[in-house]
């Protein structure tokens, strides 16, 4: 449901700091926020779930074109004299990276066969046997998607049997609420309610355990910030941390983590997005604020886009996307300097009986989406797909179609309470929840869960890069899985 964006040139919509407000106690404000937004549901009151609907046929619509026209024409017996169908069948048993990067060098006939995107589309659909991708794209990179899909399925085969697991429990003395992988997964940052941002060297896992924890960032005697550290974001070697002390601190990892800037705001910083030309913050006072990190950083503009705290935030070259406790998703057009869309978030309601855990995800169609008490807590964006997790344990998929975001799917992937972290890519999908689980999925329609890991405490976020997956735990630890390279 799309709400009217409101006046675009209303000067009152800009930040009006003329009315002084009493300075809140950051610790009390943070505790009240967690109690309201992130407290697990009471026992026996699991969120309502939709009844299972029949998933759409895996290969609905017109049949895929066959790659028969790409077959080599040869006048001598041998491998190249085989029909294209048999050549593709043989290639299916080879690693996708070898097929893509080595076979084209053998001869022109194999090069033409391998470069045909229909070949890769058929291969991907054969692997997942479900509609993929969730959002259709005209220029979808099928070879890259196929490589990532096969690698993801291989790494988590047999319920993740081959993934190495590490628990980093010595470093924080309070709940960890944010995690960030850097430099291809070699380094990791964690933000905690102990007010520290810790730097970890994951290259030392299984080698020198005592050297995995490098240090806490900052020069303050006891902590990095003066309030809970709630958000982290990075751009190349530059990192920023947002806290309930209403500050954003900037760190240069190329200079051994030295601080090179600080932004002093007026409200707790709950989410961040770091781009080459802008640094965007979402704060407890309902505002989205934009800074230029190259100059100071300098304040560019501040807008009160929501009627409640801003909980999730993303930015690209054209848009700033923010989700709030007010149940809305706002798309701000950077070029037009105005609100482009205001979408109401809400899954189906009116169901009877308690919510049930389902082994296979349920597909909830947007056409049957009345409003419910639902708001977004985390987002992952790879154009044109925006995946978001809400406080009811549901996943929402939005499609960016010519600058207009549309809700195209809502999935139940089995979480019983808030989805606190999500990481989506071409061939992989990870989610964490306050139900104390991390779930590994294939991003099909609907997502297929291939591995579930249970934890002894709530999980507050997730990051995946390279062959590392790291989850932030309310049990004072970082949960790390090192996958096959």
Protein backbone atom coordinates (compact mmCIF):
# COMPACT_ATOMS: atom_id res chain seq x y z
CA UNK A 1 0.00 0.00 0.00
CA UNK A 2 1.60 3.26 -1.06
CA UNK A 3 0.97 6.39 0.94
CA UNK A 4 1.12 9.92 -0.47
CA UNK A 5 4.64 11.32 -0.15
CA UNK A 6 3.36 14.66 1.06
CA UNK A 7 4.46 18.12 -0.07
CA UNK A 8 7.85 18.01 -1.71
CA UNK A 9 8.87 21.58 -1.09
CA UNK A 10 7.44 22.06 2.39
CA UNK A 11 10.13 23.94 4.32
CA UNK A 12 8.71 22.55 7.56
CA UNK A 13 9.76 19.08 6.45
CA UNK A 14 13.40 20.04 6.98
CA UNK A 15 15.06 19.70 10.30
CA UNK A 16 13.89 22.36 12.71
CA UNK A 17 16.31 22.42 15.60
CA UNK A 18 14.91 25.72 16.86
CA UNK A 19 12.76 23.95 19.46
CA UNK A 20 15.15 22.71 22.16
CA UNK A 21 14.34 19.30 23.58
CA UNK A 22 15.50 17.94 26.93
CA UNK A 23 18.60 15.77 26.61
CA UNK A 24 17.59 12.11 27.24
CA UNK A 25 19.59 9.60 29.23
CA UNK A 26 21.08 7.38 26.43
CA UNK A 27 21.22 4.23 28.56
CA UNK A 28 17.61 4.51 29.71
CA UNK A 29 16.49 5.35 26.16
CA UNK A 30 18.38 2.37 24.73
CA UNK A 31 16.95 -0.05 27.30
CA UNK A 32 13.41 1.18 26.63
CA UNK A 33 13.96 0.78 22.87
CA UNK A 34 15.21 -2.80 23.20
CA UNK A 35 12.35 -3.68 25.53
CA UNK A 36 9.82 -2.31 23.03
CA UNK A 37 11.29 -3.37 19.68
CA UNK A 38 13.53 -6.39 20.20
CA UNK A 39 12.02 -8.27 23.15
CA UNK A 40 11.14 -11.84 22.12
CA UNK A 41 7.40 -12.64 22.07
CA UNK A 42 5.86 -14.14 25.19
CA UNK A 43 5.78 -17.93 25.41
CA UNK A 44 2.85 -19.40 23.53
CA UNK A 45 2.20 -16.23 21.55
CA UNK A 46 4.08 -16.92 18.37
CA UNK A 47 3.31 -14.58 15.46
CA UNK A 48 0.42 -15.57 13.27
CA UNK A 49 1.31 -17.39 10.07
CA UNK A 50 -0.51 -17.67 6.81
CA UNK A 51 -1.89 -21.06 5.78
CA UNK A 52 0.33 -22.83 3.26
CA UNK A 53 -0.37 -21.80 -0.28
CA UNK A 54 0.57 -23.78 -3.28
CA UNK A 55 3.83 -22.43 -4.65
CA UNK A 56 3.87 -21.48 -8.31
CA UNK A 57 5.14 -24.08 -10.70
CA UNK A 58 8.91 -24.09 -10.92
CA UNK A 59 8.85 -23.71 -14.67
CA UNK A 60 5.60 -21.89 -15.41
CA UNK A 61 5.17 -19.91 -18.58
CA UNK A 62 6.64 -20.63 -21.99
CA UNK A 63 9.42 -23.23 -22.07
CA UNK A 64 13.00 -22.03 -22.05
CA UNK A 65 14.59 -21.86 -25.48
CA UNK A 66 17.01 -24.69 -26.11
CA UNK A 67 20.57 -23.96 -27.04
CA UNK A 68 20.46 -26.18 -30.12
CA UNK A 69 21.41 -23.42 -32.51
CA UNK A 70 24.74 -22.93 -30.75
CA UNK A 71 26.05 -26.41 -31.48
CA UNK A 72 29.36 -26.74 -33.29
CA UNK A 73 29.35 -27.99 -36.84
CA UNK A 74 32.16 -30.48 -37.36
CA UNK A 75 33.02 -33.01 -40.03
CA UNK A 76 35.06 -35.41 -37.89
CA UNK A 77 34.15 -37.70 -34.98
CA UNK A 78 34.95 -36.70 -31.39
CA UNK A 79 33.61 -34.69 -28.49
CA UNK A 80 32.65 -31.70 -30.63
CA UNK A 81 30.56 -33.91 -32.91
CA UNK A 82 28.09 -34.51 -30.07
CA UNK A 83 24.78 -32.63 -30.02
CA UNK A 84 24.75 -29.49 -27.85
CA UNK A 85 22.42 -31.21 -25.36
CA UNK A 86 25.05 -33.87 -24.63
CA UNK A 87 27.83 -31.31 -24.41
CA UNK A 88 25.81 -29.37 -21.86
CA UNK A 89 25.13 -32.57 -19.94
CA UNK A 90 28.86 -33.24 -19.75
CA UNK A 91 29.57 -29.66 -18.70
CA UNK A 92 27.02 -30.00 -15.89
CA UNK A 93 29.45 -32.34 -14.10
CA UNK A 94 32.26 -29.76 -14.28
CA UNK A 95 32.80 -26.87 -11.92
CA UNK A 96 31.00 -23.76 -13.17
CA UNK A 97 34.13 -21.62 -12.91
CA UNK A 98 36.09 -24.05 -15.04
CA UNK A 99 33.32 -24.11 -17.64
CA UNK A 100 33.18 -20.32 -17.78
CA UNK A 101 36.88 -19.49 -17.73
CA UNK A 102 38.68 -22.50 -19.23
CA UNK A 103 36.47 -24.12 -21.88
CA UNK A 104 36.19 -20.92 -24.01
CA UNK A 105 39.97 -21.12 -24.51
CA UNK A 106 39.77 -24.61 -26.01
CA UNK A 107 38.03 -23.73 -29.26
CA UNK A 108 35.54 -21.35 -30.82
CA UNK A 109 32.72 -23.92 -30.76
CA UNK A 110 32.93 -24.37 -26.97
CA UNK A 111 33.35 -20.64 -26.51
CA UNK A 112 30.07 -19.96 -28.33
CA UNK A 113 28.28 -22.64 -26.35
CA UNK A 114 29.56 -21.40 -22.98
CA UNK A 115 28.85 -17.73 -23.68
CA UNK A 116 25.18 -18.36 -24.40
CA UNK A 117 23.20 -17.15 -21.36
CA UNK A 118 20.47 -19.69 -22.09
CA UNK A 119 23.06 -22.35 -21.23
CA UNK A 120 23.60 -20.83 -17.78
CA UNK A 121 19.93 -20.22 -17.16
CA UNK A 122 19.13 -23.88 -17.83
CA UNK A 123 22.02 -24.93 -15.61
CA UNK A 124 20.89 -22.71 -12.71
CA UNK A 125 17.29 -23.88 -12.91
CA UNK A 126 18.46 -27.47 -12.97
CA UNK A 127 20.39 -26.86 -9.74
CA UNK A 128 17.64 -25.14 -7.74
CA UNK A 129 14.50 -26.61 -9.38
CA UNK A 130 12.43 -23.57 -8.39
CA UNK A 131 11.65 -20.14 -9.86
CA UNK A 132 14.83 -18.07 -9.79
CA UNK A 133 15.57 -15.20 -9.41
CA UNK A 134 12.68 -13.82 -7.37
CA UNK A 135 12.83 -10.55 -9.34
CA UNK A 136 13.28 -11.03 -13.08
CA UNK A 137 15.92 -8.83 -14.71
CA UNK A 138 16.59 -8.19 -18.36
CA UNK A 139 20.38 -8.13 -17.91
CA UNK A 140 20.62 -10.74 -15.15
CA UNK A 141 24.17 -12.13 -14.86
CA UNK A 142 23.39 -15.83 -15.23
CA UNK A 143 27.00 -17.10 -15.31
CA UNK A 144 27.90 -15.26 -12.08
CA UNK A 145 24.65 -16.34 -10.43
CA UNK A 146 25.20 -19.96 -11.40
CA UNK A 147 28.74 -19.95 -10.01
CA UNK A 148 27.59 -18.44 -6.71
CA UNK A 149 24.60 -20.79 -6.43
CA UNK A 150 26.72 -23.89 -6.93
CA UNK A 151 29.38 -22.65 -4.53
CA UNK A 152 26.75 -21.85 -1.88
CA UNK A 153 25.09 -25.26 -2.23
CA UNK A 154 28.45 -27.02 -2.05
CA UNK A 155 29.62 -25.11 1.02
CA UNK A 156 26.47 -25.88 3.00
CA UNK A 157 25.94 -29.42 1.71
CA UNK A 158 24.95 -32.08 4.23
CA UNK A 159 23.59 -29.48 6.64
CA UNK A 160 26.84 -27.51 6.70
CA UNK A 161 28.96 -30.48 7.68
CA UNK A 162 32.07 -29.09 6.01
CA UNK A 163 31.86 -25.57 7.48
CA UNK A 164 34.40 -24.86 10.25
CA UNK A 165 32.81 -23.29 13.33
CA UNK A 166 34.47 -20.89 15.79
CA UNK A 167 33.04 -19.11 18.83
CA UNK A 168 34.83 -15.88 19.74
CA UNK A 169 33.68 -15.38 23.32
CA UNK A 170 36.58 -13.37 24.75
CA UNK A 171 36.38 -9.74 23.76
CA UNK A 172 33.05 -8.26 24.86
CA UNK A 173 31.32 -8.33 28.22
CA UNK A 174 27.87 -7.32 26.93
CA UNK A 175 25.55 -8.17 24.03
CA UNK A 176 26.99 -7.70 20.53
CA UNK A 177 24.52 -5.83 18.31
CA UNK A 178 26.43 -5.18 15.07
CA UNK A 179 29.06 -6.97 13.00
CA UNK A 180 30.95 -6.05 9.85
CA UNK A 181 33.43 -7.98 7.67
CA UNK A 182 36.23 -6.11 5.90
CA UNK A 183 38.89 -6.86 3.28
CA UNK A 184 37.22 -9.94 1.86
CA UNK A 185 36.49 -11.40 5.28
CA UNK A 186 40.03 -11.23 6.68
CA UNK A 187 39.10 -8.58 9.28
CA UNK A 188 35.96 -8.18 11.37
CA UNK A 189 34.51 -5.36 13.48
CA UNK A 190 31.96 -5.88 16.24
CA UNK A 191 29.92 -3.27 18.12
CA UNK A 192 28.62 -4.04 21.60
CA UNK A 193 26.58 -2.74 24.51
CA UNK A 194 29.86 -2.63 26.43
CA UNK A 195 30.40 0.54 24.32
CA UNK A 196 33.37 -0.88 22.43
CA UNK A 197 34.11 -1.54 18.77
CA UNK A 198 36.49 -4.51 18.60
CA UNK A 199 38.79 -5.38 15.70
CA UNK A 200 39.33 -9.08 14.95
CA UNK A 201 41.87 -10.73 12.62
CA UNK A 202 40.05 -13.78 11.26
CA UNK A 203 43.18 -15.00 9.46
CA UNK A 204 44.37 -16.21 12.88
CA UNK A 205 41.39 -18.56 13.38
CA UNK A 206 42.73 -22.01 14.14
CA UNK A 207 46.32 -20.71 13.92
CA UNK A 208 46.97 -18.29 16.80
CA UNK A 209 43.73 -18.00 18.84
CA UNK A 210 45.31 -15.45 21.17
CA UNK A 211 45.91 -13.11 18.22
CA UNK A 212 42.39 -13.17 16.77
CA UNK A 213 41.27 -10.22 18.93
CA UNK A 214 43.46 -7.31 17.86
CA UNK A 215 42.15 -4.39 19.93
CA UNK A 216 39.26 -2.08 20.77
CA UNK A 217 39.13 0.99 18.54
CA UNK A 218 39.67 4.44 20.02
CA UNK A 219 41.90 6.12 22.55
CA UNK A 220 39.36 6.49 25.37
CA UNK A 221 40.39 4.71 28.54
CA UNK A 222 37.44 2.36 28.93
CA UNK A 223 35.41 2.33 25.71
CA UNK A 224 35.14 3.37 22.08
CA UNK A 225 31.86 5.25 22.63
CA UNK A 226 29.99 6.57 25.66
CA UNK A 227 26.85 4.59 24.78
CA UNK A 228 25.85 1.26 23.26
CA UNK A 229 27.36 0.71 19.80
CA UNK A 230 24.40 -0.11 17.56
CA UNK A 231 25.52 0.19 13.92
CA UNK A 232 28.56 -0.17 11.67
CA UNK A 233 29.20 0.68 8.01
CA UNK A 234 32.25 0.72 5.75
CA UNK A 235 33.55 2.13 2.49
CA UNK A 236 36.82 0.53 1.39
CA UNK A 237 39.22 1.01 4.33
CA UNK A 238 37.09 3.68 6.04
CA UNK A 239 34.64 2.61 8.73
CA UNK A 240 32.02 4.42 10.80
CA UNK A 241 30.34 3.39 14.05
CA UNK A 242 27.02 4.74 15.37
CA UNK A 243 26.07 4.77 19.03
CA UNK A 244 23.34 5.56 21.52
CA UNK A 245 25.60 8.42 22.69
CA UNK A 246 24.36 10.27 19.56
CA UNK A 247 27.74 10.23 17.82
CA UNK A 248 29.20 8.71 14.67
CA UNK A 249 32.93 8.06 14.76
CA UNK A 250 35.03 7.48 11.65
CA UNK A 251 38.01 5.12 11.54
CA UNK A 252 40.80 4.53 9.02
CA UNK A 253 41.65 0.84 8.91
CA UNK A 254 44.57 1.55 6.58
CA UNK A 255 46.08 3.58 9.44
CA UNK A 256 45.75 0.85 12.07
CA UNK A 257 42.21 1.89 12.97
CA UNK A 258 42.96 5.50 13.89
CA UNK A 259 40.01 7.86 14.29
CA UNK A 260 39.84 10.56 11.64
CA UNK A 261 36.48 12.20 12.31
CA UNK A 262 33.44 12.45 14.55
CA UNK A 263 29.84 13.58 14.07
CA UNK A 264 27.96 14.78 17.13
CA UNK A 265 24.23 14.46 16.65
CA UNK A 266 21.19 14.98 18.85
CA UNK A 267 19.75 11.46 18.99
CA UNK A 268 20.86 7.82 19.09
CA UNK A 269 22.25 6.54 15.78
CA UNK A 270 20.45 3.29 14.95
CA UNK A 271 21.57 2.67 11.33
CA UNK A 272 24.18 3.87 8.85
CA UNK A 273 25.00 3.83 5.15
CA UNK A 274 28.41 4.86 3.84
CA UNK A 275 28.82 5.92 0.19
CA UNK A 276 31.72 7.64 -1.61
CA UNK A 277 29.94 11.01 -1.59
CA UNK A 278 27.57 10.75 1.39
CA UNK A 279 27.30 9.29 4.87
CA UNK A 280 23.67 8.74 5.91
CA UNK A 281 22.38 8.19 9.44
CA UNK A 282 19.00 7.01 10.69
CA UNK A 283 18.28 8.15 14.23
CA UNK A 284 15.95 7.62 17.15
CA UNK A 285 14.38 11.08 16.65
CA UNK A 286 12.74 9.96 13.35
CA UNK A 287 15.27 11.68 11.08
CA UNK A 288 17.41 10.70 8.13
CA UNK A 289 20.50 12.90 7.99
CA UNK A 290 23.03 13.21 5.17
CA UNK A 291 26.67 14.27 5.62
CA UNK A 292 29.55 14.76 3.20
CA UNK A 293 32.33 12.54 4.61
CA UNK A 294 34.91 14.22 2.38
CA UNK A 295 34.55 17.60 4.09
CA UNK A 296 34.77 17.49 7.81
CA UNK A 297 32.29 15.63 7.58
CA UNK A 298 29.85 18.42 6.76
CA UNK A 299 26.09 18.35 7.32
CA UNK A 300 24.20 18.47 4.00
CA UNK A 301 20.58 18.00 5.06
CA UNK A 302 18.36 16.43 7.68
CA UNK A 303 14.79 15.33 7.06
CA UNK A 304 12.16 13.99 9.43
CA UNK A 305 10.88 11.32 7.05
CA UNK A 306 9.15 9.16 9.65
CA UNK A 307 6.85 9.44 12.65
CA UNK A 308 8.93 7.02 14.72
CA UNK A 309 12.52 5.80 15.08
CA UNK A 310 14.44 4.92 11.90
CA UNK A 311 15.51 1.28 12.24
CA UNK A 312 17.04 0.33 8.86
CA UNK A 313 18.78 2.31 6.15
CA UNK A 314 20.34 1.86 2.70
CA UNK A 315 21.62 4.25 0.05
CA UNK A 316 22.81 4.02 -3.55
CA UNK A 317 23.67 6.56 -6.24
CA UNK A 318 20.05 7.62 -6.66
CA UNK A 319 18.03 6.64 -3.57
CA UNK A 320 18.04 6.66 0.20
CA UNK A 321 15.78 3.91 1.55
CA UNK A 322 14.69 3.94 5.19
CA UNK A 323 12.49 1.65 7.29
CA UNK A 324 10.91 2.77 10.53
CA UNK A 325 8.99 1.63 13.57
CA UNK A 326 6.08 3.62 12.09
CA UNK A 327 5.56 0.64 9.69
CA UNK A 328 6.66 2.55 6.58
CA UNK A 329 9.40 2.22 4.01
CA UNK A 330 10.38 5.60 2.54
CA UNK A 331 12.27 5.98 -0.73
CA UNK A 332 13.98 9.38 -1.01
CA UNK A 333 15.14 10.55 -4.43
CA UNK A 334 18.61 12.07 -4.04
CA UNK A 335 18.52 13.85 -7.41
CA UNK A 336 15.07 15.39 -6.99
CA UNK A 337 15.73 16.03 -3.27
CA UNK A 338 12.24 14.80 -2.37
CA UNK A 339 10.32 11.77 -1.18
CA UNK A 340 9.66 9.46 -4.11
CA UNK A 341 7.58 6.79 -2.33
CA UNK A 342 6.11 5.98 1.05
CA UNK A 343 5.14 2.31 1.35
CA UNK A 344 3.14 0.74 4.18
CA UNK A 345 4.58 -2.55 5.40
CA UNK A 346 2.24 -5.29 6.57
CA UNK A 347 1.78 -9.05 6.13
CA UNK A 348 -1.58 -10.85 6.01
CA UNK A 349 -3.78 -10.90 9.08
CA UNK A 350 -7.08 -12.44 10.13
CA UNK A 351 -5.62 -15.91 10.59
CA UNK A 352 -6.92 -18.25 13.27
CA UNK A 353 -4.96 -20.43 15.63
CA UNK A 354 -1.36 -20.22 16.81
CA UNK A 355 1.51 -19.71 14.40
CA UNK A 356 3.15 -22.94 13.34
CA UNK A 357 6.73 -23.66 12.36
CA UNK A 358 6.79 -24.65 8.71
CA UNK A 359 9.54 -26.70 7.12
CA UNK A 360 9.07 -25.12 3.72
CA UNK A 361 8.56 -21.34 3.37
CA UNK A 362 5.11 -20.01 2.61
CA UNK A 363 4.47 -17.54 -0.19
CA UNK A 364 2.18 -14.65 0.74
CA UNK A 365 0.93 -12.74 -2.24
CA UNK A 366 0.98 -8.91 -2.14
CA UNK A 367 -2.60 -8.75 -3.42
CA UNK A 368 -3.78 -10.14 -0.06
CA UNK A 369 -1.78 -7.85 2.18
CA UNK A 370 -3.99 -6.05 4.72
CA UNK A 371 -2.07 -4.12 7.36
CA UNK A 372 -0.70 -5.66 10.54
CA UNK A 373 1.68 -4.48 13.24
CA UNK A 374 4.80 -5.05 11.16
CA UNK A 375 7.90 -2.97 10.55
CA UNK A 376 11.30 -3.59 8.97
CA UNK A 377 14.39 -4.18 11.12
CA UNK A 378 17.05 -5.02 8.50
CA UNK A 379 17.61 -4.74 4.76
CA UNK A 380 19.94 -6.06 2.05
CA UNK A 381 19.98 -4.47 -1.40
CA UNK A 382 21.47 -5.66 -4.67
CA UNK A 383 19.76 -3.79 -7.47
CA UNK A 384 17.00 -4.38 -8.40
CA UNK A 385 16.19 -6.65 -5.42
CA UNK A 386 15.63 -5.28 -1.92
CA UNK A 387 15.22 -7.98 0.73
CA UNK A 388 14.02 -6.97 4.22
CA UNK A 389 13.23 -8.74 7.49
CA UNK A 390 10.49 -7.58 9.84
CA UNK A 391 9.51 -7.84 13.49
CA UNK A 392 7.12 -10.72 12.78
CA UNK A 393 9.82 -13.03 11.39
CA UNK A 394 8.81 -12.53 7.73
CA UNK A 395 10.90 -11.66 4.68
CA UNK A 396 9.72 -9.05 2.17
CA UNK A 397 11.12 -8.66 -1.35
CA UNK A 398 10.80 -5.33 -3.16
CA UNK A 399 11.65 -4.80 -6.83
CA UNK A 400 13.15 -1.57 -8.13
CA UNK A 401 11.42 -1.13 -11.47
CA UNK A 402 12.53 2.03 -13.26
CA UNK A 403 13.03 3.87 -9.98
CA UNK A 404 9.77 2.68 -8.42
CA UNK A 405 9.90 0.12 -5.60
CA UNK A 406 7.14 -2.49 -5.49
CA UNK A 407 6.50 -5.23 -2.95
CA UNK A 408 6.54 -8.42 -5.03
CA UNK A 409 6.81 -11.22 -2.46
CA UNK A 410 6.51 -11.93 1.27
CA UNK A 411 7.92 -15.20 2.63
CA UNK A 412 7.78 -17.12 5.88
CA UNK A 413 11.17 -18.83 6.16
CA UNK A 414 10.52 -20.40 9.56
CA UNK A 415 11.66 -17.74 12.03
CA UNK A 416 9.43 -17.43 15.11
CA UNK A 417 10.28 -13.83 16.03
CA UNK A 418 12.10 -10.72 14.78
CA UNK A 419 14.52 -11.06 11.87
CA UNK A 420 17.48 -9.02 13.07
CA UNK A 421 19.93 -9.58 10.21
CA UNK A 422 19.81 -10.40 6.51
CA UNK A 423 22.44 -10.85 3.83
CA UNK A 424 21.34 -11.47 0.24
CA UNK A 425 23.45 -11.96 -2.87
CA UNK A 426 23.02 -13.54 -6.30
CA UNK A 427 23.26 -17.08 -5.01
CA UNK A 428 23.03 -16.94 -1.21
CA UNK A 429 20.67 -15.79 1.55
CA UNK A 430 21.35 -15.66 5.31
CA UNK A 431 19.01 -14.58 8.12
CA UNK A 432 19.33 -14.25 11.91
CA UNK A 433 16.59 -13.84 14.47
CA UNK A 434 15.80 -13.31 18.13
CA UNK A 435 14.44 -16.87 17.99
CA UNK A 436 18.13 -17.84 18.49
CA UNK A 437 18.67 -19.28 15.02
CA UNK A 438 20.70 -18.52 11.91
CA UNK A 439 19.19 -19.88 8.72
CA UNK A 440 20.96 -20.48 5.43
CA UNK A 441 18.76 -20.33 2.32
CA UNK A 442 18.88 -20.51 -1.45
CA UNK A 443 17.27 -17.25 -2.74
CA UNK A 444 14.60 -18.92 -4.88
CA UNK A 445 10.85 -18.25 -5.00
CA UNK A 446 10.12 -19.28 -2.28
CA UNK A 447 13.52 -19.48 -0.48
CA UNK A 448 14.71 -22.98 0.33
CA UNK A 449 16.35 -23.40 3.74
CA UNK A 450 19.37 -25.69 3.46
CA UNK A 451 20.86 -25.30 6.94
CA UNK A 452 19.74 -24.08 10.38
CA UNK A 453 22.01 -23.40 13.34
CA UNK A 454 20.58 -22.89 16.85
CA UNK A 455 22.27 -20.73 19.46
CA UNK A 456 21.89 -20.36 23.22
CA UNK A 457 21.01 -16.66 22.94
CA UNK A 458 19.41 -14.19 20.54
CA UNK A 459 21.28 -13.34 17.34
CA UNK A 460 21.40 -9.64 16.49
CA UNK A 461 22.88 -9.46 13.00
CA UNK A 462 24.87 -11.21 10.30
CA UNK A 463 27.56 -10.46 7.74
CA UNK A 464 28.96 -12.70 4.98
CA UNK A 465 31.93 -11.97 2.76
CA UNK A 466 34.40 -14.20 0.98
CA UNK A 467 34.31 -17.58 2.70
CA UNK A 468 33.41 -16.17 6.15
CA UNK A 469 30.00 -15.84 7.80
CA UNK A 470 29.80 -14.03 11.15
CA UNK A 471 26.77 -13.55 13.42
CA UNK A 472 26.49 -11.16 16.39
CA UNK A 473 25.23 -12.82 19.55
CA UNK A 474 23.39 -11.50 22.58
CA UNK A 475 25.45 -14.09 24.47
CA UNK A 476 28.60 -11.88 24.29
CA UNK A 477 30.19 -13.84 21.42
CA UNK A 478 30.79 -13.76 17.70
CA UNK A 479 29.63 -16.92 15.91
CA UNK A 480 31.94 -17.60 12.95
CA UNK A 481 31.72 -20.15 10.12
CA UNK A 482 34.64 -20.55 7.74
CA UNK A 483 33.49 -22.14 4.50
CA UNK A 484 35.41 -23.99 1.81
CA UNK A 485 37.31 -21.51 -0.31
